């Protein structure tokens, strides 16, 4: 995995954390998480191919990773855990189908939001302060051959 992909993952993770922060109290946790993610030590697994054993263990978040997930990065940001990875562009539709099937089997209702440029967000419809799951499959940037996926799980306010 190149440094460019790692930098993109870190930037997207930081943006996700900022978007999930809705008040001043959570901005300190967001800043700390963003700073931690810029460290080379927490950047990524080093390019885990096909969900290989070198990928970090993310079983505690309760959301599965597809076998084709690559460059998995994990961050504990206070009340939330964020897992970010990329998938090949040609597996974007398969990734969407994977998470739609998973969401269909969950007890919580999920809100589906499609972006104008092809992105998709699936968010559990849980009361404020309870654990919420957000699955964001971002649309690829022009010229990229990968799609970024972010899983955010925790007590989001």
Protein backbone atom coordinates (compact mmCIF):
# COMPACT_ATOMS: atom_id res chain seq x y z
CA UNK A 1 0.00 0.00 0.00
CA UNK A 2 1.49 3.33 -0.98
CA UNK A 3 1.83 6.37 1.22
CA UNK A 4 -0.74 8.11 -1.02
CA UNK A 5 -3.43 5.58 -0.09
CA UNK A 6 -2.48 5.82 3.59
CA UNK A 7 -2.65 9.62 3.44
CA UNK A 8 -6.06 9.45 1.78
CA UNK A 9 -7.33 7.03 4.43
CA UNK A 10 -6.06 9.24 7.24
CA UNK A 11 -7.58 12.36 5.72
CA UNK A 12 -10.95 10.69 5.22
CA UNK A 13 -10.89 9.32 8.76
CA UNK A 14 -10.20 12.77 10.15
CA UNK A 15 -13.06 14.23 8.09
CA UNK A 16 -15.39 11.46 9.28
CA UNK A 17 -14.50 12.14 12.90
CA UNK A 18 -15.08 15.86 12.47
CA UNK A 19 -18.46 15.19 10.82
CA UNK A 20 -19.46 12.94 13.72
CA UNK A 21 -18.60 15.61 16.30
CA UNK A 22 -21.64 17.75 16.98
CA UNK A 23 -20.55 19.83 19.97
CA UNK A 24 -17.51 21.43 21.61
CA UNK A 25 -17.10 18.61 24.14
CA UNK A 26 -16.47 16.07 21.42
CA UNK A 27 -14.04 18.28 19.47
CA UNK A 28 -11.21 17.45 21.91
CA UNK A 29 -11.73 13.74 21.31
CA UNK A 30 -11.84 14.37 17.57
CA UNK A 31 -8.62 16.38 17.63
CA UNK A 32 -6.87 13.68 19.66
CA UNK A 33 -8.08 10.95 17.32
CA UNK A 34 -7.01 12.91 14.26
CA UNK A 35 -3.57 13.48 15.75
CA UNK A 36 -3.24 9.81 16.62
CA UNK A 37 -4.21 8.74 13.13
CA UNK A 38 -1.47 10.86 11.57
CA UNK A 39 1.09 8.69 13.29
CA UNK A 40 2.70 6.09 11.03
CA UNK A 41 2.24 3.50 13.78
CA UNK A 42 -1.57 3.61 13.63
CA UNK A 43 -1.89 4.33 9.92
CA UNK A 44 -2.67 0.91 8.50
CA UNK A 45 -2.03 -2.77 8.58
CA UNK A 46 0.48 -2.49 5.78
CA UNK A 47 -1.84 -3.52 2.98
CA UNK A 48 -3.76 -6.59 4.00
CA UNK A 49 -4.85 -8.33 0.83
CA UNK A 50 -8.24 -9.99 0.76
CA UNK A 51 -8.89 -9.76 4.49
CA UNK A 52 -5.71 -11.65 5.31
CA UNK A 53 -4.55 -12.28 8.87
CA UNK A 54 -2.37 -9.13 8.85
CA UNK A 55 -5.52 -7.00 9.01
CA UNK A 56 -6.39 -5.62 12.45
CA UNK A 57 -9.02 -7.49 14.46
CA UNK A 58 -12.27 -5.53 14.18
CA UNK A 59 -14.63 -8.20 15.53
CA UNK A 60 -15.52 -6.08 18.58
CA UNK A 61 -17.33 -3.48 16.45
CA UNK A 62 -19.89 -6.06 15.33
CA UNK A 63 -19.78 -5.02 11.66
CA UNK A 64 -18.06 -7.43 9.28
CA UNK A 65 -15.43 -6.55 6.71
CA UNK A 66 -15.74 -7.99 3.22
CA UNK A 67 -12.98 -10.42 2.23
CA UNK A 68 -11.74 -7.92 -0.36
CA UNK A 69 -11.09 -5.10 2.18
CA UNK A 70 -7.59 -3.69 1.94
CA UNK A 71 -5.46 -1.22 3.96
CA UNK A 72 -7.56 -1.48 7.11
CA UNK A 73 -7.04 1.32 9.65
CA UNK A 74 -8.65 1.32 13.11
CA UNK A 75 -9.04 4.18 15.58
CA UNK A 76 -10.70 4.42 18.98
CA UNK A 77 -11.99 7.98 19.22
CA UNK A 78 -13.39 8.13 22.71
CA UNK A 79 -16.99 6.97 22.53
CA UNK A 80 -16.65 5.74 18.93
CA UNK A 81 -14.55 3.24 17.03
CA UNK A 82 -13.76 4.04 13.41
CA UNK A 83 -12.62 1.42 10.92
CA UNK A 84 -11.60 2.56 7.48
CA UNK A 85 -10.50 0.54 4.48
CA UNK A 86 -10.46 0.56 0.72
CA UNK A 87 -11.87 -1.82 -1.87
CA UNK A 88 -11.07 -2.04 -5.58
CA UNK A 89 -13.30 0.18 -7.69
CA UNK A 90 -14.60 -2.83 -9.61
CA UNK A 91 -15.96 -4.23 -6.32
CA UNK A 92 -17.91 -1.12 -5.29
CA UNK A 93 -21.29 -2.63 -6.23
CA UNK A 94 -20.39 -5.90 -4.48
CA UNK A 95 -19.41 -3.92 -1.37
CA UNK A 96 -22.72 -2.03 -1.40
CA UNK A 97 -24.60 -5.33 -1.77
CA UNK A 98 -22.52 -6.87 1.06
CA UNK A 99 -23.48 -4.11 3.52
CA UNK A 100 -27.10 -3.87 2.36
CA UNK A 101 -27.47 -7.62 3.00
CA UNK A 102 -25.83 -7.25 6.42
CA UNK A 103 -28.08 -4.30 7.34
CA UNK A 104 -31.18 -6.25 6.25
CA UNK A 105 -30.33 -8.90 8.85
CA UNK A 106 -29.97 -6.44 11.75
CA UNK A 107 -32.67 -5.76 14.37
CA UNK A 108 -32.30 -1.95 14.05
CA UNK A 109 -33.73 0.02 11.17
CA UNK A 110 -31.15 1.69 8.93
CA UNK A 111 -31.52 4.99 7.11
CA UNK A 112 -30.14 4.88 3.57
CA UNK A 113 -28.72 8.06 2.04
CA UNK A 114 -27.35 8.12 -1.49
CA UNK A 115 -24.93 10.84 -2.50
CA UNK A 116 -25.26 12.72 -5.78
CA UNK A 117 -21.90 11.40 -6.98
CA UNK A 118 -22.52 7.75 -6.09
CA UNK A 119 -21.66 7.46 -2.41
CA UNK A 120 -23.90 5.63 0.05
CA UNK A 121 -24.44 5.93 3.79
CA UNK A 122 -26.32 3.39 5.91
CA UNK A 123 -27.01 4.63 9.46
CA UNK A 124 -28.76 2.79 12.27
CA UNK A 125 -31.83 4.60 13.52
CA UNK A 126 -31.05 4.51 17.24
CA UNK A 127 -31.87 7.07 19.95
CA UNK A 128 -29.30 9.78 20.64
CA UNK A 129 -26.63 8.64 23.08
CA UNK A 130 -27.03 4.93 22.27
CA UNK A 131 -24.63 3.01 20.09
CA UNK A 132 -25.11 3.87 16.47
CA UNK A 133 -23.58 2.29 13.39
CA UNK A 134 -22.73 4.31 10.29
CA UNK A 135 -21.47 2.62 7.15
CA UNK A 136 -20.22 5.12 4.57
CA UNK A 137 -19.18 3.90 1.13
CA UNK A 138 -17.69 6.98 -0.46
CA UNK A 139 -17.72 7.69 -4.18
CA UNK A 140 -14.25 7.39 -5.70
CA UNK A 141 -12.22 10.44 -6.53
CA UNK A 142 -11.65 11.00 -10.24
CA UNK A 143 -8.82 8.80 -11.46
CA UNK A 144 -8.75 6.52 -8.42
CA UNK A 145 -9.12 2.78 -8.79
CA UNK A 146 -10.41 2.25 -5.25
CA UNK A 147 -13.36 3.14 -3.04
CA UNK A 148 -13.04 4.15 0.62
CA UNK A 149 -15.38 2.60 3.20
CA UNK A 150 -15.74 3.96 6.75
CA UNK A 151 -17.47 2.10 9.59
CA UNK A 152 -18.24 4.23 12.66
CA UNK A 153 -19.68 2.50 15.72
CA UNK A 154 -20.40 4.01 19.11
CA UNK A 155 -22.45 6.40 21.17
CA UNK A 156 -22.72 9.30 18.75
CA UNK A 157 -24.63 12.40 19.85
